[in-house]
Amino acid sequence: MAIPFTLVGIDHVVFLVDDMPRAMAFYRDVLGCVPGYTYPALGMEQVWAGAVQGVVIETEALHGGARGMGHSAYIRDPFGNTLEIKGPAAYPDGR
């Protein structure tokens, strides 16, 4: 059976957190994300990605991804989640 679509990226990622104001402060003030939609009945907030600033980078590497080899930086959010921030592919063909 043929897949009826081509995956071009990730639309969103969900994290469960026990301190929403702390999470929002990190993603907004530290990572530069812009507050998006809010769903108070679900206890859910959405942020849109922005520029990275004032973050301790734990590891940097050149890794492969869906769009090829590119620079990756690994940081942690306030809840201990490791986040990979990956730039555009330096080698789109994966070499």
PDB file of N, CA and C in Angstrom:
ATOM      1  N   MET A   1       0.847  -1.182   0.000  1.00  0.00           N
ATOM      2  CA  MET A   1       0.000   0.000   0.000  1.00  0.00           C
ATOM      3  C   MET A   1       0.888   1.240   0.000  1.00  0.00           C
ATOM      4  N   ALA A   2       0.625   2.164  -0.892  1.00  0.00           N
ATOM      5  CA  ALA A   2       1.403   3.400  -0.985  1.00  0.00           C
ATOM      6  C   ALA A   2       0.981   4.383   0.098  1.00  0.00           C
ATOM      7  N   ILE A   3       1.964   5.069   0.678  1.00  0.00           N
ATOM      8  CA  ILE A   3       1.672   6.103   1.671  1.00  0.00           C
ATOM      9  C   ILE A   3       1.173   7.332   0.923  1.00  0.00           C
ATOM     10  N   PRO A   4       0.027   7.906   1.340  1.00  0.00           N
ATOM     11  CA  PRO A   4      -0.589   8.994   0.574  1.00  0.00           C
ATOM     12  C   PRO A   4      -0.007  10.383   0.827  1.00  0.00           C
ATOM     13  N   PHE A   5       1.163  10.452   1.455  1.00  0.00           N
ATOM     14  CA  PHE A   5       1.763  11.752   1.716  1.00  0.00           C
ATOM     15  C   PHE A   5       3.274  11.594   1.851  1.00  0.00           C
ATOM     16  N   THR A   6       3.983  12.717   1.799  1.00  0.00           N
ATOM     17  CA  THR A   6       5.421  12.738   2.018  1.00  0.00           C
ATOM     18  C   THR A   6       5.693  13.565   3.259  1.00  0.00           C
ATOM     19  N   LEU A   7       6.370  12.988   4.234  1.00  0.00           N
ATOM     20  CA  LEU A   7       6.695  13.688   5.464  1.00  0.00           C
ATOM     21  C   LEU A   7       7.770  14.734   5.189  1.00  0.00           C
ATOM     22  N   VAL A   8       7.506  15.997   5.543  1.00  0.00           N
ATOM     23  CA  VAL A   8       8.480  17.062   5.312  1.00  0.00           C
ATOM     24  C   VAL A   8       8.991  17.682   6.612  1.00  0.00           C
ATOM     25  N   GLY A   9       8.418  17.305   7.732  1.00  0.00           N
ATOM     26  CA  GLY A   9       8.866  17.857   8.999  1.00  0.00           C
ATOM     27  C   GLY A   9       7.940  17.457  10.131  1.00  0.00           C
ATOM     28  N   ILE A  10       8.258  17.943  11.316  1.00  0.00           N
ATOM     29  CA  ILE A  10       7.443  17.661  12.494  1.00  0.00           C
ATOM     30  C   ILE A  10       6.590  18.886  12.778  1.00  0.00           C
ATOM     31  N   ASP A  11       5.308  18.680  12.913  1.00  0.00           N
ATOM     32  CA  ASP A  11       4.390  19.776  13.175  1.00  0.00           C
ATOM     33  C   ASP A  11       4.500  20.260  14.618  1.00  0.00           C
ATOM     34  N   HIS A  12       4.555  19.332  15.570  1.00  0.00           N
ATOM     35  CA  HIS A  12       4.655  19.745  16.964  1.00  0.00           C
ATOM     36  C   HIS A  12       5.132  18.593  17.842  1.00  0.00           C
ATOM     37  N   VAL A  13       5.581  18.955  19.027  1.00  0.00           N
ATOM     38  CA  VAL A  13       6.029  17.995  20.026  1.00  0.00           C
ATOM     39  C   VAL A  13       5.312  18.344  21.320  1.00  0.00           C
ATOM     40  N   VAL A  14       4.862  17.353  22.061  1.00  0.00           N
ATOM     41  CA  VAL A  14       4.130  17.580  23.307  1.00  0.00           C
ATOM     42  C   VAL A  14       4.987  17.155  24.490  1.00  0.00           C
ATOM     43  N   PHE A  15       5.061  18.029  25.504  1.00  0.00           N
ATOM     44  CA  PHE A  15       5.714  17.713  26.765  1.00  0.00           C
ATOM     45  C   PHE A  15       4.691  17.834  27.875  1.00  0.00           C
ATOM     46  N   LEU A  16       4.682  16.892  28.795  1.00  0.00           N
ATOM     47  CA  LEU A  16       3.873  17.013  30.000  1.00  0.00           C
ATOM     48  C   LEU A  16       4.759  17.622  31.075  1.00  0.00           C
ATOM     49  N   VAL A  17       4.294  18.712  31.676  1.00  0.00           N
ATOM     50  CA  VAL A  17       5.075  19.399  32.698  1.00  0.00           C
ATOM     51  C   VAL A  17       4.215  19.626  33.933  1.00  0.00           C
ATOM     52  N   ASP A  18       4.872  19.772  35.073  1.00  0.00           N
ATOM     53  CA  ASP A  18       4.128  19.997  36.315  1.00  0.00           C
ATOM     54  C   ASP A  18       4.171  21.459  36.765  1.00  0.00           C
ATOM     55  N   ASP A  19       4.758  22.335  35.962  1.00  0.00           N
ATOM     56  CA  ASP A  19       4.850  23.750  36.298  1.00  0.00           C
ATOM     57  C   ASP A  19       4.783  24.559  35.003  1.00  0.00           C
ATOM     58  N   MET A  20       3.558  24.839  34.549  1.00  0.00           N
ATOM     59  CA  MET A  20       3.374  25.514  33.265  1.00  0.00           C
ATOM     60  C   MET A  20       4.013  26.899  33.220  1.00  0.00           C
ATOM     61  N   PRO A  21       3.884  27.741  34.264  1.00  0.00           N
ATOM     62  CA  PRO A  21       4.544  29.054  34.187  1.00  0.00           C
ATOM     63  C   PRO A  21       6.068  28.934  34.004  1.00  0.00           C
ATOM     64  N   ARG A  22       6.688  27.967  34.666  1.00  0.00           N
ATOM     65  CA  ARG A  22       8.140  27.757  34.524  1.00  0.00           C
ATOM     66  C   ARG A  22       8.479  27.284  33.111  1.00  0.00           C
ATOM     67  N   ALA A  23       7.672  26.376  32.585  1.00  0.00           N
ATOM     68  CA  ALA A  23       7.897  25.884  31.225  1.00  0.00           C
ATOM     69  C   ALA A  23       7.736  27.012  30.214  1.00  0.00           C
ATOM     70  N   MET A  24       6.678  27.806  30.359  1.00  0.00           N
ATOM     71  CA  MET A  24       6.448  28.910  29.426  1.00  0.00           C
ATOM     72  C   MET A  24       7.577  29.932  29.503  1.00  0.00           C
ATOM     73  N   ALA A  25       8.068  30.219  30.714  1.00  0.00           N
ATOM     74  CA  ALA A  25       9.171  31.167  30.861  1.00  0.00           C
ATOM     75  C   ALA A  25      10.410  30.664  30.129  1.00  0.00           C
ATOM     76  N   PHE A  26      10.703  29.365  30.231  1.00  0.00           N
ATOM     77  CA  PHE A  26      11.869  28.802  29.546  1.00  0.00           C
ATOM     78  C   PHE A  26      11.714  28.886  28.028  1.00  0.00           C
ATOM     79  N   TYR A  27      10.611  28.369  27.511  1.00  0.00           N
ATOM     80  CA  TYR A  27      10.442  28.326  26.059  1.00  0.00           C
ATOM     81  C   TYR A  27      10.278  29.729  25.463  1.00  0.00           C
ATOM     82  N   ARG A  28       9.667  30.653  26.205  1.00  0.00           N
ATOM     83  CA  ARG A  28       9.479  32.020  25.723  1.00  0.00           C
ATOM     84  C   ARG A  28      10.740  32.861  25.923  1.00  0.00           C
ATOM     85  N   ASP A  29      11.230  32.932  27.165  1.00  0.00           N
ATOM     86  CA  ASP A  29      12.302  33.867  27.507  1.00  0.00           C
ATOM     87  C   ASP A  29      13.693  33.350  27.166  1.00  0.00           C
ATOM     88  N   VAL A  30      13.908  32.041  27.260  1.00  0.00           N
ATOM     89  CA  VAL A  30      15.237  31.485  27.004  1.00  0.00           C
ATOM     90  C   VAL A  30      15.390  31.069  25.544  1.00  0.00           C
ATOM     91  N   LEU A  31      14.425  30.316  25.016  1.00  0.00           N
ATOM     92  CA  LEU A  31      14.539  29.844  23.623  1.00  0.00           C
ATOM     93  C   LEU A  31      13.960  30.832  22.615  1.00  0.00           C
ATOM     94  N   GLY A  32      13.252  31.832  23.079  1.00  0.00           N
ATOM     95  CA  GLY A  32      12.724  32.836  22.164  1.00  0.00           C
ATOM     96  C   GLY A  32      11.466  32.415  21.437  1.00  0.00           C
ATOM     97  N   CYS A  33      10.772  31.408  21.944  1.00  0.00           N
ATOM     98  CA  CYS A  33       9.521  30.981  21.318  1.00  0.00           C
ATOM     99  C   CYS A  33       8.438  32.025  21.563  1.00  0.00           C
ATOM    100  N   VAL A  34       7.515  32.105  20.634  1.00  0.00           N
ATOM    101  CA  VAL A  34       6.406  33.049  20.715  1.00  0.00           C
ATOM    102  C   VAL A  34       5.174  32.294  21.200  1.00  0.00           C
ATOM    103  N   PRO A  35       4.490  32.807  22.245  1.00  0.00           N
ATOM    104  CA  PRO A  35       3.263  32.137  22.685  1.00  0.00           C
ATOM    105  C   PRO A  35       2.278  32.024  21.526  1.00  0.00           C
ATOM    106  N   GLY A  36       1.683  30.850  21.390  1.00  0.00           N
ATOM    107  CA  GLY A  36       0.715  30.601  20.328  1.00  0.00           C
ATOM    108  C   GLY A  36      -0.675  30.472  20.915  1.00  0.00           C
ATOM    109  N   TYR A  37      -1.349  29.412  20.561  1.00  0.00           N
ATOM    110  CA  TYR A  37      -2.700  29.179  21.061  1.00  0.00           C
ATOM    111  C   TYR A  37      -2.659  28.689  22.499  1.00  0.00           C
ATOM    112  N   THR A  38      -3.710  28.985  23.239  1.00  0.00           N
ATOM    113  CA  THR A  38      -3.827  28.521  24.619  1.00  0.00           C
ATOM    114  C   THR A  38      -5.133  27.747  24.757  1.00  0.00           C
ATOM    115  N   TYR A  39      -5.092  26.651  25.489  1.00  0.00           N
ATOM    116  CA  TYR A  39      -6.247  25.780  25.690  1.00  0.00           C
ATOM    117  C   TYR A  39      -6.410  25.527  27.187  1.00  0.00           C
ATOM    118  N   PRO A  40      -6.953  26.516  27.940  1.00  0.00           N
ATOM    119  CA  PRO A  40      -7.037  26.390  29.390  1.00  0.00           C
ATOM    120  C   PRO A  40      -7.808  25.151  29.867  1.00  0.00           C
ATOM    121  N   ALA A  41      -8.849  24.755  29.165  1.00  0.00           N
ATOM    122  CA  ALA A  41      -9.626  23.591  29.580  1.00  0.00           C
ATOM    123  C   ALA A  41      -8.803  22.307  29.543  1.00  0.00           C
ATOM    124  N   LEU A  42      -7.777  22.289  28.691  1.00  0.00           N
ATOM    125  CA  LEU A  42      -6.912  21.120  28.585  1.00  0.00           C
ATOM    126  C   LEU A  42      -5.604  21.290  29.373  1.00  0.00           C
ATOM    127  N   GLY A  43      -5.372  22.493  29.925  1.00  0.00           N
ATOM    128  CA  GLY A  43      -4.111  22.766  30.603  1.00  0.00           C
ATOM    129  C   GLY A  43      -2.962  22.778  29.612  1.00  0.00           C
ATOM    130  N   MET A  44      -3.224  23.249  28.398  1.00  0.00           N
ATOM    131  CA  MET A  44      -2.227  23.182  27.327  1.00  0.00           C
ATOM    132  C   MET A  44      -1.902  24.568  26.797  1.00  0.00           C
ATOM    133  N   GLU A  45      -0.628  24.794  26.561  1.00  0.00           N
ATOM    134  CA  GLU A  45      -0.141  26.014  25.936  1.00  0.00           C
ATOM    135  C   GLU A  45       0.653  25.621  24.702  1.00  0.00           C
ATOM    136  N   GLN A  46       0.638  26.474  23.710  1.00  0.00           N
ATOM    137  CA  GLN A  46       1.405  26.220  22.486  1.00  0.00           C
ATOM    138  C   GLN A  46       2.382  27.376  22.293  1.00  0.00           C
ATOM    139  N   VAL A  47       3.608  27.037  21.894  1.00  0.00           N
ATOM    140  CA  VAL A  47       4.587  28.072  21.560  1.00  0.00           C
ATOM    141  C   VAL A  47       5.129  27.797  20.169  1.00  0.00           C
ATOM    142  N   TRP A  48       5.523  28.868  19.486  1.00  0.00           N
ATOM    143  CA  TRP A  48       6.108  28.752  18.159  1.00  0.00           C
ATOM    144  C   TRP A  48       7.594  29.023  18.268  1.00  0.00           C
ATOM    145  N   ALA A  49       8.387  28.239  17.581  1.00  0.00           N
ATOM    146  CA  ALA A  49       9.839  28.287  17.716  1.00  0.00           C
ATOM    147  C   ALA A  49      10.415  29.623  17.267  1.00  0.00           C
ATOM    148  N   GLY A  50      11.459  30.035  17.993  1.00  0.00           N
ATOM    149  CA  GLY A  50      12.173  31.268  17.686  1.00  0.00           C
ATOM    150  C   GLY A  50      13.674  31.021  17.759  1.00  0.00           C
ATOM    151  N   ALA A  51      14.440  32.038  18.004  1.00  0.00           N
ATOM    152  CA  ALA A  51      15.897  31.938  18.064  1.00  0.00           C
ATOM    153  C   ALA A  51      16.352  31.477  19.454  1.00  0.00           C
ATOM    154  N   VAL A  52      17.465  30.729  19.516  1.00  0.00           N
ATOM    155  CA  VAL A  52      18.040  30.262  20.775  1.00  0.00           C
ATOM    156  C   VAL A  52      18.945  31.357  21.342  1.00  0.00           C
ATOM    157  N   GLN A  53      18.825  31.646  22.669  1.00  0.00           N
ATOM    158  CA  GLN A  53      19.650  32.675  23.323  1.00  0.00           C
ATOM    159  C   GLN A  53      19.842  32.321  24.786  1.00  0.00           C
ATOM    160  N   GLY A  54      21.025  32.564  25.336  1.00  0.00           N
ATOM    161  CA  GLY A  54      21.279  32.379  26.761  1.00  0.00           C
ATOM    162  C   GLY A  54      21.112  30.957  27.263  1.00  0.00           C
ATOM    163  N   VAL A  55      21.465  29.956  26.476  1.00  0.00           N
ATOM    164  CA  VAL A  55      21.284  28.554  26.850  1.00  0.00           C
ATOM    165  C   VAL A  55      22.642  27.879  26.924  1.00  0.00           C
ATOM    166  N   VAL A  56      22.823  27.027  27.944  1.00  0.00           N
ATOM    167  CA  VAL A  56      24.052  26.253  28.047  1.00  0.00           C
ATOM    168  C   VAL A  56      23.964  25.085  27.083  1.00  0.00           C
ATOM    169  N   ILE A  57      24.892  25.027  26.135  1.00  0.00           N
ATOM    170  CA  ILE A  57      24.936  23.913  25.189  1.00  0.00           C
ATOM    171  C   ILE A  57      25.764  22.800  25.817  1.00  0.00           C
ATOM    172  N   GLU A  58      25.146  21.635  26.019  1.00  0.00           N
ATOM    173  CA  GLU A  58      25.830  20.509  26.652  1.00  0.00           C
ATOM    174  C   GLU A  58      26.740  19.773  25.682  1.00  0.00           C
ATOM    175  N   THR A  59      26.291  19.619  24.452  1.00  0.00           N
ATOM    176  CA  THR A  59      27.047  18.885  23.435  1.00  0.00           C
ATOM    177  C   THR A  59      26.745  19.483  22.073  1.00  0.00           C
ATOM    178  N   GLU A  60      27.724  19.476  21.194  1.00  0.00           N
ATOM    179  CA  GLU A  60      27.514  19.880  19.811  1.00  0.00           C
ATOM    180  C   GLU A  60      28.041  18.765  18.927  1.00  0.00           C
ATOM    181  N   ALA A  61      27.415  18.563  17.778  1.00  0.00           N
ATOM    182  CA  ALA A  61      27.839  17.491  16.885  1.00  0.00           C
ATOM    183  C   ALA A  61      27.321  17.748  15.481  1.00  0.00           C
ATOM    184  N   LEU A  62      27.869  17.010  14.530  1.00  0.00           N
ATOM    185  CA  LEU A  62      27.371  16.992  13.158  1.00  0.00           C
ATOM    186  C   LEU A  62      26.643  15.663  13.011  1.00  0.00           C
ATOM    187  N   HIS A  63      25.327  15.734  12.917  1.00  0.00           N
ATOM    188  CA  HIS A  63      24.505  14.523  12.878  1.00  0.00           C
ATOM    189  C   HIS A  63      23.612  14.508  11.649  1.00  0.00           C
ATOM    190  N   GLY A  64      23.226  13.305  11.283  1.00  0.00           N
ATOM    191  CA  GLY A  64      22.266  13.133  10.208  1.00  0.00           C
ATOM    192  C   GLY A  64      20.858  13.383  10.705  1.00  0.00           C
ATOM    193  N   GLY A  65      20.000  13.723   9.809  1.00  0.00           N
ATOM    194  CA  GLY A  65      18.596  13.938  10.122  1.00  0.00           C
ATOM    195  C   GLY A  65      17.768  13.726   8.872  1.00  0.00           C
ATOM    196  N   ALA A  66      16.512  14.068   8.956  1.00  0.00           N
ATOM    197  CA  ALA A  66      15.592  13.846   7.845  1.00  0.00           C
ATOM    198  C   ALA A  66      16.001  14.591   6.576  1.00  0.00           C
ATOM    199  N   ARG A  67      16.698  15.712   6.748  1.00  0.00           N
ATOM    200  CA  ARG A  67      17.079  16.513   5.581  1.00  0.00           C
ATOM    201  C   ARG A  67      18.569  16.463   5.282  1.00  0.00           C
ATOM    202  N   GLY A  68      19.310  15.561   5.951  1.00  0.00           N
ATOM    203  CA  GLY A  68      20.733  15.417   5.696  1.00  0.00           C
ATOM    204  C   GLY A  68      21.578  15.736   6.914  1.00  0.00           C
ATOM    205  N   MET A  69      22.891  15.787   6.712  1.00  0.00           N
ATOM    206  CA  MET A  69      23.831  16.068   7.796  1.00  0.00           C
ATOM    207  C   MET A  69      23.804  17.557   8.137  1.00  0.00           C
ATOM    208  N   GLY A  70      23.820  17.858   9.432  1.00  0.00           N
ATOM    209  CA  GLY A  70      23.813  19.252   9.857  1.00  0.00           C
ATOM    210  C   GLY A  70      24.287  19.395  11.282  1.00  0.00           C
ATOM    211  N   HIS A  71      24.510  20.634  11.705  1.00  0.00           N
ATOM    212  CA  HIS A  71      24.995  20.942  13.039  1.00  0.00           C
ATOM    213  C   HIS A  71      23.854  20.789  14.051  1.00  0.00           C
ATOM    214  N   SER A  72      24.133  20.089  15.147  1.00  0.00           N
ATOM    215  CA  SER A  72      23.163  19.917  16.228  1.00  0.00           C
ATOM    216  C   SER A  72      23.751  20.442  17.522  1.00  0.00           C
ATOM    217  N   ALA A  73      22.915  21.059  18.335  1.00  0.00           N
ATOM    218  CA  ALA A  73      23.289  21.486  19.680  1.00  0.00           C
ATOM    219  C   ALA A  73      22.280  20.865  20.638  1.00  0.00           C
ATOM    220  N   TYR A  74      22.771  20.362  21.752  1.00  0.00           N
ATOM    221  CA  TYR A  74      21.912  19.706  22.735  1.00  0.00           C
ATOM    222  C   TYR A  74      21.859  20.536  24.002  1.00  0.00           C
ATOM    223  N   ILE A  75      20.635  20.849  24.431  1.00  0.00           N
ATOM    224  CA  ILE A  75      20.407  21.642  25.634  1.00  0.00           C
ATOM    225  C   ILE A  75      19.387  20.916  26.505  1.00  0.00           C
ATOM    226  N   ARG A  76      19.200  21.390  27.727  1.00  0.00           N
ATOM    227  CA  ARG A  76      18.168  20.829  28.611  1.00  0.00           C
ATOM    228  C   ARG A  76      17.162  21.915  28.969  1.00  0.00           C
ATOM    229  N   ASP A  77      15.898  21.507  29.054  1.00  0.00           N
ATOM    230  CA  ASP A  77      14.883  22.429  29.533  1.00  0.00           C
ATOM    231  C   ASP A  77      14.834  22.334  31.067  1.00  0.00           C
ATOM    232  N   PRO A  78      14.031  23.152  31.734  1.00  0.00           N
ATOM    233  CA  PRO A  78      14.017  23.145  33.198  1.00  0.00           C
ATOM    234  C   PRO A  78      13.540  21.836  33.822  1.00  0.00           C
ATOM    235  N   PHE A  79      12.961  20.952  33.020  1.00  0.00           N
ATOM    236  CA  PHE A  79      12.437  19.687  33.536  1.00  0.00           C
ATOM    237  C   PHE A  79      13.372  18.521  33.268  1.00  0.00           C
ATOM    238  N   GLY A  80      14.555  18.809  32.726  1.00  0.00           N
ATOM    239  CA  GLY A  80      15.538  17.765  32.471  1.00  0.00           C
ATOM    240  C   GLY A  80      15.431  17.115  31.108  1.00  0.00           C
ATOM    241  N   ASN A  81      14.487  17.561  30.275  1.00  0.00           N
ATOM    242  CA  ASN A  81      14.378  17.011  28.922  1.00  0.00           C
ATOM    243  C   ASN A  81      15.549  17.503  28.087  1.00  0.00           C
ATOM    244  N   THR A  82      16.201  16.599  27.370  1.00  0.00           N
ATOM    245  CA  THR A  82      17.256  16.999  26.444  1.00  0.00           C
ATOM    246  C   THR A  82      16.608  17.370  25.121  1.00  0.00           C
ATOM    247  N   LEU A  83      16.929  18.549  24.622  1.00  0.00           N
ATOM    248  CA  LEU A  83      16.389  19.026  23.353  1.00  0.00           C
ATOM    249  C   LEU A  83      17.512  19.107  22.338  1.00  0.00           C
ATOM    250  N   GLU A  84      17.261  18.629  21.140  1.00  0.00           N
ATOM    251  CA  GLU A  84      18.216  18.784  20.048  1.00  0.00           C
ATOM    252  C   GLU A  84      17.745  19.953  19.201  1.00  0.00           C
ATOM    253  N   ILE A  85      18.596  20.951  19.081  1.00  0.00           N
ATOM    254  CA  ILE A  85      18.322  22.090  18.216  1.00  0.00           C
ATOM    255  C   ILE A  85      19.191  21.886  16.989  1.00  0.00           C
ATOM    256  N   LYS A  86      18.553  21.666  15.838  1.00  0.00           N
ATOM    257  CA  LYS A  86      19.310  21.303  14.643  1.00  0.00           C
ATOM    258  C   LYS A  86      19.117  22.342  13.565  1.00  0.00           C
ATOM    259  N   GLY A  87      20.225  22.768  12.998  1.00  0.00           N
ATOM    260  CA  GLY A  87      20.184  23.753  11.927  1.00  0.00           C
ATOM    261  C   GLY A  87      19.920  23.105  10.583  1.00  0.00           C
ATOM    262  N   PRO A  88      19.979  23.903   9.533  1.00  0.00           N
ATOM    263  CA  PRO A  88      19.741  23.363   8.198  1.00  0.00           C
ATOM    264  C   PRO A  88      20.846  22.377   7.804  1.00  0.00           C
ATOM    265  N   ALA A  89      20.508  21.503   6.916  1.00  0.00           N
ATOM    266  CA  ALA A  89      21.473  20.480   6.461  1.00  0.00           C
ATOM    267  C   ALA A  89      22.650  21.132   5.762  1.00  0.00           C
ATOM    268  N   ALA A  90      23.863  20.768   6.230  1.00  0.00           N
ATOM    269  CA  ALA A  90      25.087  21.234   5.571  1.00  0.00           C
ATOM    270  C   ALA A  90      25.364  20.376   4.341  1.00  0.00           C
ATOM    271  N   TYR A  91      24.959  19.124   4.413  1.00  0.00           N
ATOM    272  CA  TYR A  91      25.142  18.165   3.323  1.00  0.00           C
ATOM    273  C   TYR A  91      23.799  17.501   3.068  1.00  0.00           C
ATOM    274  N   PRO A  92      22.943  18.093   2.238  1.00  0.00           N
ATOM    275  CA  PRO A  92      21.578  17.592   2.034  1.00  0.00           C
ATOM    276  C   PRO A  92      21.496  16.138   1.572  1.00  0.00           C
ATOM    277  N   ASP A  93      22.526  15.630   0.927  1.00  0.00           N
ATOM    278  CA  ASP A  93      22.439  14.252   0.451  1.00  0.00           C
ATOM    279  C   ASP A  93      22.878  13.254   1.502  1.00  0.00           C
ATOM    280  N   GLY A  94      23.230  13.735   2.711  1.00  0.00           N
ATOM    281  CA  GLY A  94      23.601  12.831   3.790  1.00  0.00           C
ATOM    282  C   GLY A  94      25.063  12.457   3.817  1.00  0.00           C
ATOM    283  N   ARG A  95      25.888  13.020   2.930  1.00  0.00           N
ATOM    284  CA  ARG A  95      27.316  12.676   2.913  1.00  0.00           C
ATOM    285  C   ARG A  95      28.157  13.744   3.575  1.00  0.00           C
TER     286      ARG A  95
END
